[in-house]
Amino acid sequence: MSNSLRTPTVAVVVVTYNSAAVLPGLLSSLDAGLQGLNWHLTIADNASADDSVAIARRMVPGCRIAQTGRNAGYAAAFNAGVQAADPFDAVLLLNPDVRLSAGAVATMVARLGGDGARRVGIAVPRILDEDGGVALSLRREPTVFRALGEALLGQRAGRFAGLGETVLERAAYFRDGTADWATGAVMLISRECLDSCGPWEERFFLYSEETEFSLRARDHGFLTVLVAGAEVVHIGGESRVSPVLWSLLTVNRVRLFRMRHSRPAAALFWSVVLLREASRAALGHPRSRQAAAALVRPERLPFPPAS
């Protein structure tokens, strides 16, 4: 794509669910963030009860609205948005609480494509939090050893590639490089990658859907690349404070591992993740107490179960 003389077209898909408080800030940043590109907007709405859809229609006249009709989850809404979008060369998936910096998307688009086994199918930016700090958005593939490392050392395990999923090296966020996967608040995906890999996995209501897709893309020969010259701000992070969302995140990590590994390996992974949450629950952490219970009885989570 980077070698084409034609201006690429980007389908912007924003997943909303009662997002009226944060959506205007994102929509205001689209023109600058997508400068130099052709683009069109689709709002994939999970039956918002607020003014999310009305705000989008007012601020971006002519945008498409894909209504799921229910709170269908992140992956299902994204798939609906892609299906409703006009033709595109790449699709930009955005949380409504993201703000794009000027030229960020064109910088990412320029990295998509390539030949042979080194095709870039997914490009992600450097993400800053509200205070300007660099978000630790790059991840390594889940393994039993990494789960054990995090159970014993916490996030510090990420200092060692074999012992932690989160990439902690600050320099990694200031140079272009590959990752096994990256957090899904902002993702640019090439048309070729989507066509080869298929839709996102809707059995994940929230969390691990971006992990599954990135690993599946890698299986198909596509790289996930951090583009250090592209920068965005993300206001989110609710999973770090909400016990319910942390429980869902934890359970879905196990579900994903089970999808990609043998039953004995998945049982070992579950045991190690349970060890992590149970040990922290014993220290009085409410979110770990709820996550440990959810690992034992995932059907009690207030979200649609994975089939």
C-alpha atoms as a PDB file:
ATOM      1  CA  MET A   1       0.000   0.000   0.000  1.00  0.00           C
ATOM      2  CA  SER A   2       2.857   2.391   0.765  1.00  0.00           C
ATOM      3  CA  ASN A   3       4.016   2.211  -2.861  1.00  0.00           C
ATOM      4  CA  SER A   4       0.657   3.098  -4.392  1.00  0.00           C
ATOM      5  CA  LEU A   5       0.220   6.462  -6.125  1.00  0.00           C
ATOM      6  CA  ARG A   6      -3.484   6.463  -5.302  1.00  0.00           C
ATOM      7  CA  THR A   7      -4.583   8.140  -2.088  1.00  0.00           C
ATOM      8  CA  PRO A   8      -5.665   5.319   0.236  1.00  0.00           C
ATOM      9  CA  THR A   9      -9.193   5.213   1.607  1.00  0.00           C
ATOM     10  CA  VAL A  10      -9.630   4.444   5.296  1.00  0.00           C
ATOM     11  CA  ALA A  11     -12.874   3.202   6.820  1.00  0.00           C
ATOM     12  CA  VAL A  12     -13.036   4.600  10.340  1.00  0.00           C
ATOM     13  CA  VAL A  13     -15.098   2.335  12.597  1.00  0.00           C
ATOM     14  CA  VAL A  14     -15.922   3.649  16.069  1.00  0.00           C
ATOM     15  CA  VAL A  15     -17.599   1.271  18.511  1.00  0.00           C
ATOM     16  CA  THR A  16     -19.996   3.112  20.800  1.00  0.00           C
ATOM     17  CA  TYR A  17     -22.030   2.165  23.841  1.00  0.00           C
ATOM     18  CA  ASN A  18     -23.416   5.129  25.784  1.00  0.00           C
ATOM     19  CA  SER A  19     -20.375   7.100  24.659  1.00  0.00           C
ATOM     20  CA  ALA A  20     -21.877  10.602  24.412  1.00  0.00           C
ATOM     21  CA  ALA A  21     -19.551  12.043  27.058  1.00  0.00           C
ATOM     22  CA  VAL A  22     -16.346  11.166  25.205  1.00  0.00           C
ATOM     23  CA  LEU A  23     -17.348  10.825  21.550  1.00  0.00           C
ATOM     24  CA  PRO A  24     -17.216  14.553  20.617  1.00  0.00           C
ATOM     25  CA  GLY A  25     -13.516  14.740  21.471  1.00  0.00           C
ATOM     26  CA  LEU A  26     -12.741  11.856  19.132  1.00  0.00           C
ATOM     27  CA  LEU A  27     -14.857  13.153  16.284  1.00  0.00           C
ATOM     28  CA  SER A  28     -13.231  16.570  16.573  1.00  0.00           C
ATOM     29  CA  SER A  29      -9.819  14.954  16.081  1.00  0.00           C
ATOM     30  CA  LEU A  30     -10.646  12.960  12.944  1.00  0.00           C
ATOM     31  CA  ASP A  31      -9.979  15.637  10.333  1.00  0.00           C
ATOM     32  CA  ALA A  32      -6.474  16.342  11.617  1.00  0.00           C
ATOM     33  CA  GLY A  33      -5.698  12.726  12.430  1.00  0.00           C
ATOM     34  CA  LEU A  34      -6.696  11.531   8.945  1.00  0.00           C
ATOM     35  CA  GLN A  35      -5.287  14.430   6.942  1.00  0.00           C
ATOM     36  CA  GLY A  36      -3.892  13.416   3.559  1.00  0.00           C
ATOM     37  CA  LEU A  37      -6.233  10.433   3.285  1.00  0.00           C
ATOM     38  CA  ASN A  38      -9.667   9.674   1.926  1.00  0.00           C
ATOM     39  CA  TRP A  39     -11.833   8.472   4.781  1.00  0.00           C
ATOM     40  CA  HIS A  40     -15.386   7.785   5.817  1.00  0.00           C
ATOM     41  CA  LEU A  41     -16.902   7.142   9.232  1.00  0.00           C
ATOM     42  CA  THR A  42     -19.098   4.311  10.468  1.00  0.00           C
ATOM     43  CA  ILE A  43     -20.461   4.329  14.000  1.00  0.00           C
ATOM     44  CA  ALA A  44     -20.993   0.762  15.209  1.00  0.00           C
ATOM     45  CA  ASP A  45     -23.459   1.304  18.022  1.00  0.00           C
ATOM     46  CA  ASN A  46     -24.318  -1.275  20.664  1.00  0.00           C
ATOM     47  CA  ALA A  47     -27.829   0.054  21.394  1.00  0.00           C
ATOM     48  CA  SER A  48     -26.742   3.188  23.224  1.00  0.00           C
ATOM     49  CA  ALA A  49     -29.420   4.763  25.396  1.00  0.00           C
ATOM     50  CA  ASP A  50     -27.798   8.209  25.223  1.00  0.00           C
ATOM     51  CA  ASP A  51     -27.115  10.666  22.394  1.00  0.00           C
ATOM     52  CA  SER A  52     -24.076   8.877  20.903  1.00  0.00           C
ATOM     53  CA  VAL A  53     -25.669   8.354  17.488  1.00  0.00           C
ATOM     54  CA  ALA A  54     -27.209  11.845  17.355  1.00  0.00           C
ATOM     55  CA  ILE A  55     -23.839  13.410  18.195  1.00  0.00           C
ATOM     56  CA  ALA A  56     -22.124  11.489  15.413  1.00  0.00           C
ATOM     57  CA  ARG A  57     -24.759  12.486  12.877  1.00  0.00           C
ATOM     58  CA  ARG A  58     -24.506  16.134  13.895  1.00  0.00           C
ATOM     59  CA  MET A  59     -20.714  16.335  13.972  1.00  0.00           C
ATOM     60  CA  VAL A  60     -19.984  14.157  10.910  1.00  0.00           C
ATOM     61  CA  PRO A  61     -22.909  14.538   8.493  1.00  0.00           C
ATOM     62  CA  GLY A  62     -23.251  11.569   6.205  1.00  0.00           C
ATOM     63  CA  CYS A  63     -21.585   9.095   8.533  1.00  0.00           C
ATOM     64  CA  ARG A  64     -22.989   5.598   8.470  1.00  0.00           C
ATOM     65  CA  ILE A  65     -24.651   4.077  11.520  1.00  0.00           C
ATOM     66  CA  ALA A  66     -24.489   0.317  12.059  1.00  0.00           C
ATOM     67  CA  GLN A  67     -26.879  -0.639  14.849  1.00  0.00           C
ATOM     68  CA  THR A  68     -26.327  -4.042  16.449  1.00  0.00           C
ATOM     69  CA  GLY A  69     -29.690  -3.814  18.232  1.00  0.00           C
ATOM     70  CA  ARG A  70     -28.218  -4.895  21.554  1.00  0.00           C
ATOM     71  CA  ASN A  71     -25.068  -4.625  23.631  1.00  0.00           C
ATOM     72  CA  ALA A  72     -23.376  -7.171  21.370  1.00  0.00           C
ATOM     73  CA  GLY A  73     -19.779  -6.617  22.467  1.00  0.00           C
ATOM     74  CA  TYR A  74     -16.726  -5.033  20.882  1.00  0.00           C
ATOM     75  CA  ALA A  75     -15.921  -7.636  18.235  1.00  0.00           C
ATOM     76  CA  ALA A  76     -19.511  -8.017  17.038  1.00  0.00           C
ATOM     77  CA  ALA A  77     -19.915  -4.251  16.740  1.00  0.00           C
ATOM     78  CA  PHE A  78     -16.632  -3.931  14.846  1.00  0.00           C
ATOM     79  CA  ASN A  79     -17.701  -6.647  12.414  1.00  0.00           C
ATOM     80  CA  ALA A  80     -21.030  -4.879  11.885  1.00  0.00           C
ATOM     81  CA  GLY A  81     -19.216  -1.609  11.247  1.00  0.00           C
ATOM     82  CA  VAL A  82     -16.909  -3.183   8.679  1.00  0.00           C
ATOM     83  CA  GLN A  83     -19.861  -4.758   6.887  1.00  0.00           C
ATOM     84  CA  ALA A  84     -21.689  -1.421   6.732  1.00  0.00           C
ATOM     85  CA  ALA A  85     -18.692   0.639   5.611  1.00  0.00           C
ATOM     86  CA  ASP A  86     -18.069   1.864   2.088  1.00  0.00           C
ATOM     87  CA  PRO A  87     -15.127   0.303   0.186  1.00  0.00           C
ATOM     88  CA  PHE A  88     -11.733   0.840   1.801  1.00  0.00           C
ATOM     89  CA  ASP A  89      -8.046   0.010   1.631  1.00  0.00           C
ATOM     90  CA  ALA A  90      -7.700  -0.193   5.414  1.00  0.00           C
ATOM     91  CA  VAL A  91      -9.987   0.030   8.410  1.00  0.00           C
ATOM     92  CA  LEU A  92      -9.206   2.095  11.505  1.00  0.00           C
ATOM     93  CA  LEU A  93     -10.811   0.723  14.659  1.00  0.00           C
ATOM     94  CA  LEU A  94     -11.215   3.302  17.415  1.00  0.00           C
ATOM     95  CA  ASN A  95     -12.521   3.490  20.932  1.00  0.00           C
ATOM     96  CA  PRO A  96     -14.663   6.606  21.392  1.00  0.00           C
ATOM     97  CA  ASP A  97     -12.308   7.887  24.105  1.00  0.00           C
ATOM     98  CA  VAL A  98      -9.315   8.154  21.737  1.00  0.00           C
ATOM     99  CA  ARG A  99      -7.982  11.442  20.350  1.00  0.00           C
ATOM    100  CA  LEU A 100      -5.852  11.368  17.193  1.00  0.00           C
ATOM    101  CA  SER A 101      -2.835  13.592  16.680  1.00  0.00           C
ATOM    102  CA  ALA A 102      -2.335  15.365  13.353  1.00  0.00           C
ATOM    103  CA  GLY A 103      -1.241  13.037  10.558  1.00  0.00           C
ATOM    104  CA  ALA A 104      -1.182   9.963  12.795  1.00  0.00           C
ATOM    105  CA  VAL A 105      -3.229   7.714  10.537  1.00  0.00           C
ATOM    106  CA  ALA A 106      -1.353   8.515   7.307  1.00  0.00           C
ATOM    107  CA  THR A 107       1.869   7.658   9.114  1.00  0.00           C
ATOM    108  CA  MET A 108       0.415   4.263  10.029  1.00  0.00           C
ATOM    109  CA  VAL A 109      -1.057   3.665   6.565  1.00  0.00           C
ATOM    110  CA  ALA A 110       2.410   4.108   5.068  1.00  0.00           C
ATOM    111  CA  ARG A 111       3.616   1.055   7.019  1.00  0.00           C
ATOM    112  CA  LEU A 112       0.932  -1.343   5.822  1.00  0.00           C
ATOM    113  CA  GLY A 113       1.681  -3.935   3.178  1.00  0.00           C
ATOM    114  CA  GLY A 114       4.943  -5.437   2.006  1.00  0.00           C
ATOM    115  CA  ASP A 115       5.904  -8.598   0.222  1.00  0.00           C
ATOM    116  CA  GLY A 116       6.414 -12.209   1.182  1.00  0.00           C
ATOM    117  CA  ALA A 117       6.445 -13.299   4.812  1.00  0.00           C
ATOM    118  CA  ARG A 118       6.985  -9.798   6.237  1.00  0.00           C
ATOM    119  CA  ARG A 119       3.668  -8.183   5.325  1.00  0.00           C
ATOM    120  CA  VAL A 120       2.412  -5.602   7.811  1.00  0.00           C
ATOM    121  CA  GLY A 121      -1.288  -6.226   8.332  1.00  0.00           C
ATOM    122  CA  ILE A 122      -1.850  -4.307  11.571  1.00  0.00           C
ATOM    123  CA  ALA A 123      -0.358  -0.945  12.517  1.00  0.00           C
ATOM    124  CA  VAL A 124      -0.734   0.646  15.941  1.00  0.00           C
ATOM    125  CA  PRO A 125       0.429   4.019  17.291  1.00  0.00           C
ATOM    126  CA  ARG A 126       2.194   5.065  20.452  1.00  0.00           C
ATOM    127  CA  ILE A 127      -0.600   5.638  22.971  1.00  0.00           C
ATOM    128  CA  LEU A 128      -0.439   8.319  25.649  1.00  0.00           C
ATOM    129  CA  ASP A 129      -2.676   8.528  28.693  1.00  0.00           C
ATOM    130  CA  GLU A 130      -4.464  11.683  29.775  1.00  0.00           C
ATOM    131  CA  ASP A 131      -1.424  12.891  31.720  1.00  0.00           C
ATOM    132  CA  GLY A 132       0.927  12.448  28.765  1.00  0.00           C
ATOM    133  CA  GLY A 133       2.533   9.250  29.996  1.00  0.00           C
ATOM    134  CA  VAL A 134       3.250   6.442  27.554  1.00  0.00           C
ATOM    135  CA  ALA A 135       0.717   3.639  27.859  1.00  0.00           C
ATOM    136  CA  LEU A 136       2.191   0.144  27.955  1.00  0.00           C
ATOM    137  CA  SER A 137       0.205  -1.081  24.965  1.00  0.00           C
ATOM    138  CA  LEU A 138       2.546  -3.679  23.429  1.00  0.00           C
ATOM    139  CA  ARG A 139       2.184  -7.321  24.365  1.00  0.00           C
ATOM    140  CA  ARG A 140       3.822 -10.690  23.888  1.00  0.00           C
ATOM    141  CA  GLU A 141       1.943 -13.903  23.169  1.00  0.00           C
ATOM    142  CA  PRO A 142       0.392 -15.516  26.265  1.00  0.00           C
ATOM    143  CA  THR A 143       2.305 -18.571  27.487  1.00  0.00           C
ATOM    144  CA  VAL A 144       2.275 -20.661  30.646  1.00  0.00           C
ATOM    145  CA  PHE A 145       5.718 -19.344  31.631  1.00  0.00           C
ATOM    146  CA  ARG A 146       4.622 -15.734  31.152  1.00  0.00           C
ATOM    147  CA  ALA A 147       1.494 -16.341  33.186  1.00  0.00           C
ATOM    148  CA  LEU A 148       3.653 -17.889  35.925  1.00  0.00           C
ATOM    149  CA  GLY A 149       6.107 -15.011  35.784  1.00  0.00           C
ATOM    150  CA  GLU A 150       3.284 -12.520  36.257  1.00  0.00           C
ATOM    151  CA  ALA A 151       1.802 -14.605  39.067  1.00  0.00           C
ATOM    152  CA  LEU A 152       5.115 -14.456  40.935  1.00  0.00           C
ATOM    153  CA  LEU A 153       6.476 -11.042  39.944  1.00  0.00           C
ATOM    154  CA  GLY A 154       3.454  -9.055  38.801  1.00  0.00           C
ATOM    155  CA  GLN A 155       3.903  -6.655  35.917  1.00  0.00           C
ATOM    156  CA  ARG A 156       7.649  -6.499  36.652  1.00  0.00           C
ATOM    157  CA  ALA A 157       7.895  -9.861  34.904  1.00  0.00           C
ATOM    158  CA  GLY A 158       7.583  -7.974  31.635  1.00  0.00           C
ATOM    159  CA  ARG A 159      11.214  -6.876  31.987  1.00  0.00           C
ATOM    160  CA  PHE A 160      12.092 -10.363  30.798  1.00  0.00           C
ATOM    161  CA  ALA A 161      10.683 -11.454  27.436  1.00  0.00           C
ATOM    162  CA  GLY A 162      10.098 -15.037  28.544  1.00  0.00           C
ATOM    163  CA  LEU A 163       8.372 -14.135  31.816  1.00  0.00           C
ATOM    164  CA  GLY A 164       5.859 -11.403  31.068  1.00  0.00           C
ATOM    165  CA  GLU A 165       3.362 -10.344  28.417  1.00  0.00           C
ATOM    166  CA  THR A 166       3.606  -6.571  28.797  1.00  0.00           C
ATOM    167  CA  VAL A 167       6.525  -4.886  27.035  1.00  0.00           C
ATOM    168  CA  LEU A 168       7.971  -2.573  29.698  1.00  0.00           C
ATOM    169  CA  GLU A 169      11.025  -1.274  27.861  1.00  0.00           C
ATOM    170  CA  ARG A 170      10.289   2.427  27.317  1.00  0.00           C
ATOM    171  CA  ALA A 171      12.515   2.623  24.253  1.00  0.00           C
ATOM    172  CA  ALA A 172      10.308   0.066  22.497  1.00  0.00           C
ATOM    173  CA  TYR A 173       7.572   2.702  22.298  1.00  0.00           C
ATOM    174  CA  PHE A 174       9.819   5.240  20.564  1.00  0.00           C
ATOM    175  CA  ARG A 175      10.989   3.096  17.659  1.00  0.00           C
ATOM    176  CA  ASP A 176       9.156   1.129  15.011  1.00  0.00           C
ATOM    177  CA  GLY A 177       8.999  -2.554  15.830  1.00  0.00           C
ATOM    178  CA  THR A 178       6.866  -5.668  15.780  1.00  0.00           C
ATOM    179  CA  ALA A 179       4.742  -7.045  18.608  1.00  0.00           C
ATOM    180  CA  ASP A 180       2.760 -10.242  19.033  1.00  0.00           C
ATOM    181  CA  TRP A 181      -0.260  -8.060  19.723  1.00  0.00           C
ATOM    182  CA  ALA A 182      -1.232  -4.652  21.026  1.00  0.00           C
ATOM    183  CA  THR A 183      -4.190  -3.258  22.936  1.00  0.00           C
ATOM    184  CA  GLY A 184      -7.167  -2.691  20.666  1.00  0.00           C
ATOM    185  CA  ALA A 185      -8.201   0.895  21.424  1.00  0.00           C
ATOM    186  CA  VAL A 186      -6.587   1.995  18.137  1.00  0.00           C
ATOM    187  CA  MET A 187      -5.819  -0.438  15.319  1.00  0.00           C
ATOM    188  CA  LEU A 188      -5.291   0.103  11.619  1.00  0.00           C
ATOM    189  CA  ILE A 189      -5.867  -3.118   9.660  1.00  0.00           C
ATOM    190  CA  SER A 190      -5.202  -3.573   5.965  1.00  0.00           C
ATOM    191  CA  ARG A 191      -7.926  -4.812   3.650  1.00  0.00           C
ATOM    192  CA  GLU A 192      -5.658  -7.698   2.660  1.00  0.00           C
ATOM    193  CA  CYS A 193      -5.283  -8.763   6.277  1.00  0.00           C
ATOM    194  CA  LEU A 194      -9.018  -8.628   6.963  1.00  0.00           C
ATOM    195  CA  ASP A 195      -9.839 -10.518   3.785  1.00  0.00           C
ATOM    196  CA  SER A 196      -7.291 -13.226   4.613  1.00  0.00           C
ATOM    197  CA  CYS A 197      -8.152 -13.622   8.297  1.00  0.00           C
ATOM    198  CA  GLY A 198     -11.901 -13.074   8.326  1.00  0.00           C
ATOM    199  CA  PRO A 199     -14.025 -11.276  10.915  1.00  0.00           C
ATOM    200  CA  TRP A 200     -13.176 -10.754  14.553  1.00  0.00           C
ATOM    201  CA  GLU A 201     -14.085 -13.516  16.989  1.00  0.00           C
ATOM    202  CA  GLU A 202     -17.483 -12.612  18.450  1.00  0.00           C
ATOM    203  CA  ARG A 203     -17.318 -15.204  21.229  1.00  0.00           C
ATOM    204  CA  PHE A 204     -15.275 -12.613  23.132  1.00  0.00           C
ATOM    205  CA  PHE A 205     -17.722 -10.018  24.404  1.00  0.00           C
ATOM    206  CA  LEU A 206     -14.896  -7.734  25.481  1.00  0.00           C
ATOM    207  CA  TYR A 207     -11.125  -8.246  25.903  1.00  0.00           C
ATOM    208  CA  SER A 208      -8.892 -10.784  24.118  1.00  0.00           C
ATOM    209  CA  GLU A 209     -10.650 -10.197  20.791  1.00  0.00           C
ATOM    210  CA  GLU A 210      -7.743  -8.049  19.595  1.00  0.00           C
ATOM    211  CA  THR A 211      -5.271 -10.641  20.910  1.00  0.00           C
ATOM    212  CA  GLU A 212      -7.003 -13.441  19.045  1.00  0.00           C
ATOM    213  CA  PHE A 213      -7.146 -11.487  15.805  1.00  0.00           C
ATOM    214  CA  SER A 214      -3.505 -10.382  15.987  1.00  0.00           C
ATOM    215  CA  LEU A 215      -2.312 -13.926  16.623  1.00  0.00           C
ATOM    216  CA  ARG A 216      -4.553 -15.224  13.842  1.00  0.00           C
ATOM    217  CA  ALA A 217      -3.154 -12.557  11.518  1.00  0.00           C
ATOM    218  CA  ARG A 218       0.356 -13.716  12.406  1.00  0.00           C
ATOM    219  CA  ASP A 219      -0.698 -17.277  11.572  1.00  0.00           C
ATOM    220  CA  HIS A 220      -1.638 -15.941   8.119  1.00  0.00           C
ATOM    221  CA  GLY A 221       1.705 -14.194   7.647  1.00  0.00           C
ATOM    222  CA  PHE A 222       0.810 -10.659   8.780  1.00  0.00           C
ATOM    223  CA  LEU A 223       2.833  -8.617  11.267  1.00  0.00           C
ATOM    224  CA  THR A 224       1.596  -6.252  13.956  1.00  0.00           C
ATOM    225  CA  VAL A 225       3.830  -3.163  13.987  1.00  0.00           C
ATOM    226  CA  LEU A 226       4.133  -0.198  16.309  1.00  0.00           C
ATOM    227  CA  VAL A 227       4.536   2.996  14.272  1.00  0.00           C
ATOM    228  CA  ALA A 228       6.410   5.302  16.611  1.00  0.00           C
ATOM    229  CA  GLY A 229       5.785   8.381  14.486  1.00  0.00           C
ATOM    230  CA  ALA A 230       2.027   8.104  15.094  1.00  0.00           C
ATOM    231  CA  GLU A 231       0.653   9.203  18.440  1.00  0.00           C
ATOM    232  CA  VAL A 232      -2.793   9.220  20.044  1.00  0.00           C
ATOM    233  CA  VAL A 233      -4.267   9.892  23.472  1.00  0.00           C
ATOM    234  CA  HIS A 234      -6.481   7.307  25.153  1.00  0.00           C
ATOM    235  CA  ILE A 235      -8.605   8.318  28.113  1.00  0.00           C
ATOM    236  CA  GLY A 236      -9.594   4.734  28.997  1.00  0.00           C
ATOM    237  CA  GLY A 237      -8.281   2.137  31.415  1.00  0.00           C
ATOM    238  CA  GLU A 238     -11.470   1.102  33.217  1.00  0.00           C
ATOM    239  CA  SER A 239     -10.372  -2.539  33.382  1.00  0.00           C
ATOM    240  CA  ARG A 240      -7.760  -1.543  35.962  1.00  0.00           C
ATOM    241  CA  VAL A 241     -10.333  -0.305  38.458  1.00  0.00           C
ATOM    242  CA  SER A 242     -13.505  -2.293  37.798  1.00  0.00           C
ATOM    243  CA  PRO A 243     -13.620  -5.755  39.403  1.00  0.00           C
ATOM    244  CA  VAL A 244     -16.262  -6.913  36.925  1.00  0.00           C
ATOM    245  CA  LEU A 245     -14.260  -5.892  33.868  1.00  0.00           C
ATOM    246  CA  TRP A 246     -11.057  -7.279  35.353  1.00  0.00           C
ATOM    247  CA  SER A 247     -12.870 -10.578  35.854  1.00  0.00           C
ATOM    248  CA  LEU A 248     -13.969 -10.623  32.237  1.00  0.00           C
ATOM    249  CA  LEU A 249     -10.448  -9.765  31.064  1.00  0.00           C
ATOM    250  CA  THR A 250      -9.011 -12.593  33.177  1.00  0.00           C
ATOM    251  CA  VAL A 251     -11.545 -15.212  32.076  1.00  0.00           C
ATOM    252  CA  ASN A 252     -11.127 -14.292  28.425  1.00  0.00           C
ATOM    253  CA  ARG A 253      -7.361 -14.723  28.661  1.00  0.00           C
ATOM    254  CA  VAL A 254      -8.003 -18.343  29.622  1.00  0.00           C
ATOM    255  CA  ARG A 255     -10.660 -18.768  26.928  1.00  0.00           C
ATOM    256  CA  LEU A 256      -8.240 -17.555  24.272  1.00  0.00           C
ATOM    257  CA  PHE A 257      -5.442 -19.827  25.464  1.00  0.00           C
ATOM    258  CA  ARG A 258      -7.833 -22.769  25.388  1.00  0.00           C
ATOM    259  CA  MET A 259      -8.738 -21.971  21.771  1.00  0.00           C
ATOM    260  CA  ARG A 260      -5.094 -22.142  20.645  1.00  0.00           C
ATOM    261  CA  HIS A 261      -3.617 -24.915  22.795  1.00  0.00           C
ATOM    262  CA  SER A 262      -4.176 -28.466  23.950  1.00  0.00           C
ATOM    263  CA  ARG A 263      -6.476 -29.275  26.844  1.00  0.00           C
ATOM    264  CA  PRO A 264      -3.606 -30.136  29.259  1.00  0.00           C
ATOM    265  CA  ALA A 265      -1.763 -26.907  28.421  1.00  0.00           C
ATOM    266  CA  ALA A 266      -4.969 -24.905  28.847  1.00  0.00           C
ATOM    267  CA  ALA A 267      -5.600 -26.521  32.235  1.00  0.00           C
ATOM    268  CA  LEU A 268      -2.091 -25.556  33.340  1.00  0.00           C
ATOM    269  CA  PHE A 269      -2.567 -21.998  32.112  1.00  0.00           C
ATOM    270  CA  TRP A 270      -5.882 -21.755  34.000  1.00  0.00           C
ATOM    271  CA  SER A 271      -4.192 -23.001  37.175  1.00  0.00           C
ATOM    272  CA  VAL A 272      -1.418 -20.423  36.943  1.00  0.00           C
ATOM    273  CA  VAL A 273      -3.831 -17.559  36.275  1.00  0.00           C
ATOM    274  CA  LEU A 274      -5.972 -18.716  39.194  1.00  0.00           C
ATOM    275  CA  LEU A 275      -2.845 -18.765  41.385  1.00  0.00           C
ATOM    276  CA  ARG A 276      -2.161 -15.153  40.470  1.00  0.00           C
ATOM    277  CA  GLU A 277      -5.668 -13.937  41.240  1.00  0.00           C
ATOM    278  CA  ALA A 278      -6.147 -16.076  44.360  1.00  0.00           C
ATOM    279  CA  SER A 279      -2.842 -14.911  45.859  1.00  0.00           C
ATOM    280  CA  ARG A 280      -3.808 -11.286  45.327  1.00  0.00           C
ATOM    281  CA  ALA A 281      -7.298 -11.917  46.627  1.00  0.00           C
ATOM    282  CA  ALA A 282      -5.697 -13.247  49.813  1.00  0.00           C
ATOM    283  CA  LEU A 283      -3.943  -9.880  50.135  1.00  0.00           C
ATOM    284  CA  GLY A 284      -7.284  -8.096  50.012  1.00  0.00           C
ATOM    285  CA  HIS A 285      -7.562  -7.011  46.370  1.00  0.00           C
ATOM    286  CA  PRO A 286     -11.301  -6.893  45.491  1.00  0.00           C
ATOM    287  CA  ARG A 287     -10.865  -7.221  41.753  1.00  0.00           C
ATOM    288  CA  SER A 288      -8.713 -10.349  42.160  1.00  0.00           C
ATOM    289  CA  ARG A 289     -11.230 -11.849  44.568  1.00  0.00           C
ATOM    290  CA  GLN A 290     -13.949 -11.456  41.950  1.00  0.00           C
ATOM    291  CA  ALA A 291     -11.656 -12.636  39.131  1.00  0.00           C
ATOM    292  CA  ALA A 292     -10.739 -15.812  41.041  1.00  0.00           C
ATOM    293  CA  ALA A 293     -14.411 -16.576  41.561  1.00  0.00           C
ATOM    294  CA  ALA A 294     -15.088 -15.971  37.871  1.00  0.00           C
ATOM    295  CA  LEU A 295     -12.314 -18.368  36.841  1.00  0.00           C
ATOM    296  CA  VAL A 296     -14.046 -21.094  38.839  1.00  0.00           C
ATOM    297  CA  ARG A 297     -17.585 -20.123  37.747  1.00  0.00           C
ATOM    298  CA  PRO A 298     -17.287 -18.096  34.519  1.00  0.00           C
ATOM    299  CA  GLU A 299     -20.974 -18.581  33.755  1.00  0.00           C
ATOM    300  CA  ARG A 300     -21.790 -16.186  36.604  1.00  0.00           C
ATOM    301  CA  LEU A 301     -20.219 -13.214  34.798  1.00  0.00           C
ATOM    302  CA  PRO A 302     -22.880 -10.640  33.761  1.00  0.00           C
ATOM    303  CA  PHE A 303     -21.921 -10.928  30.090  1.00  0.00           C
ATOM    304  CA  PRO A 304     -22.909 -13.283  27.274  1.00  0.00           C
ATOM    305  CA  PRO A 305     -20.933 -16.524  27.696  1.00  0.00           C
ATOM    306  CA  ALA A 306     -18.481 -17.781  25.122  1.00  0.00           C
ATOM    307  CA  SER A 307     -19.836 -20.727  23.205  1.00  0.00           C
END
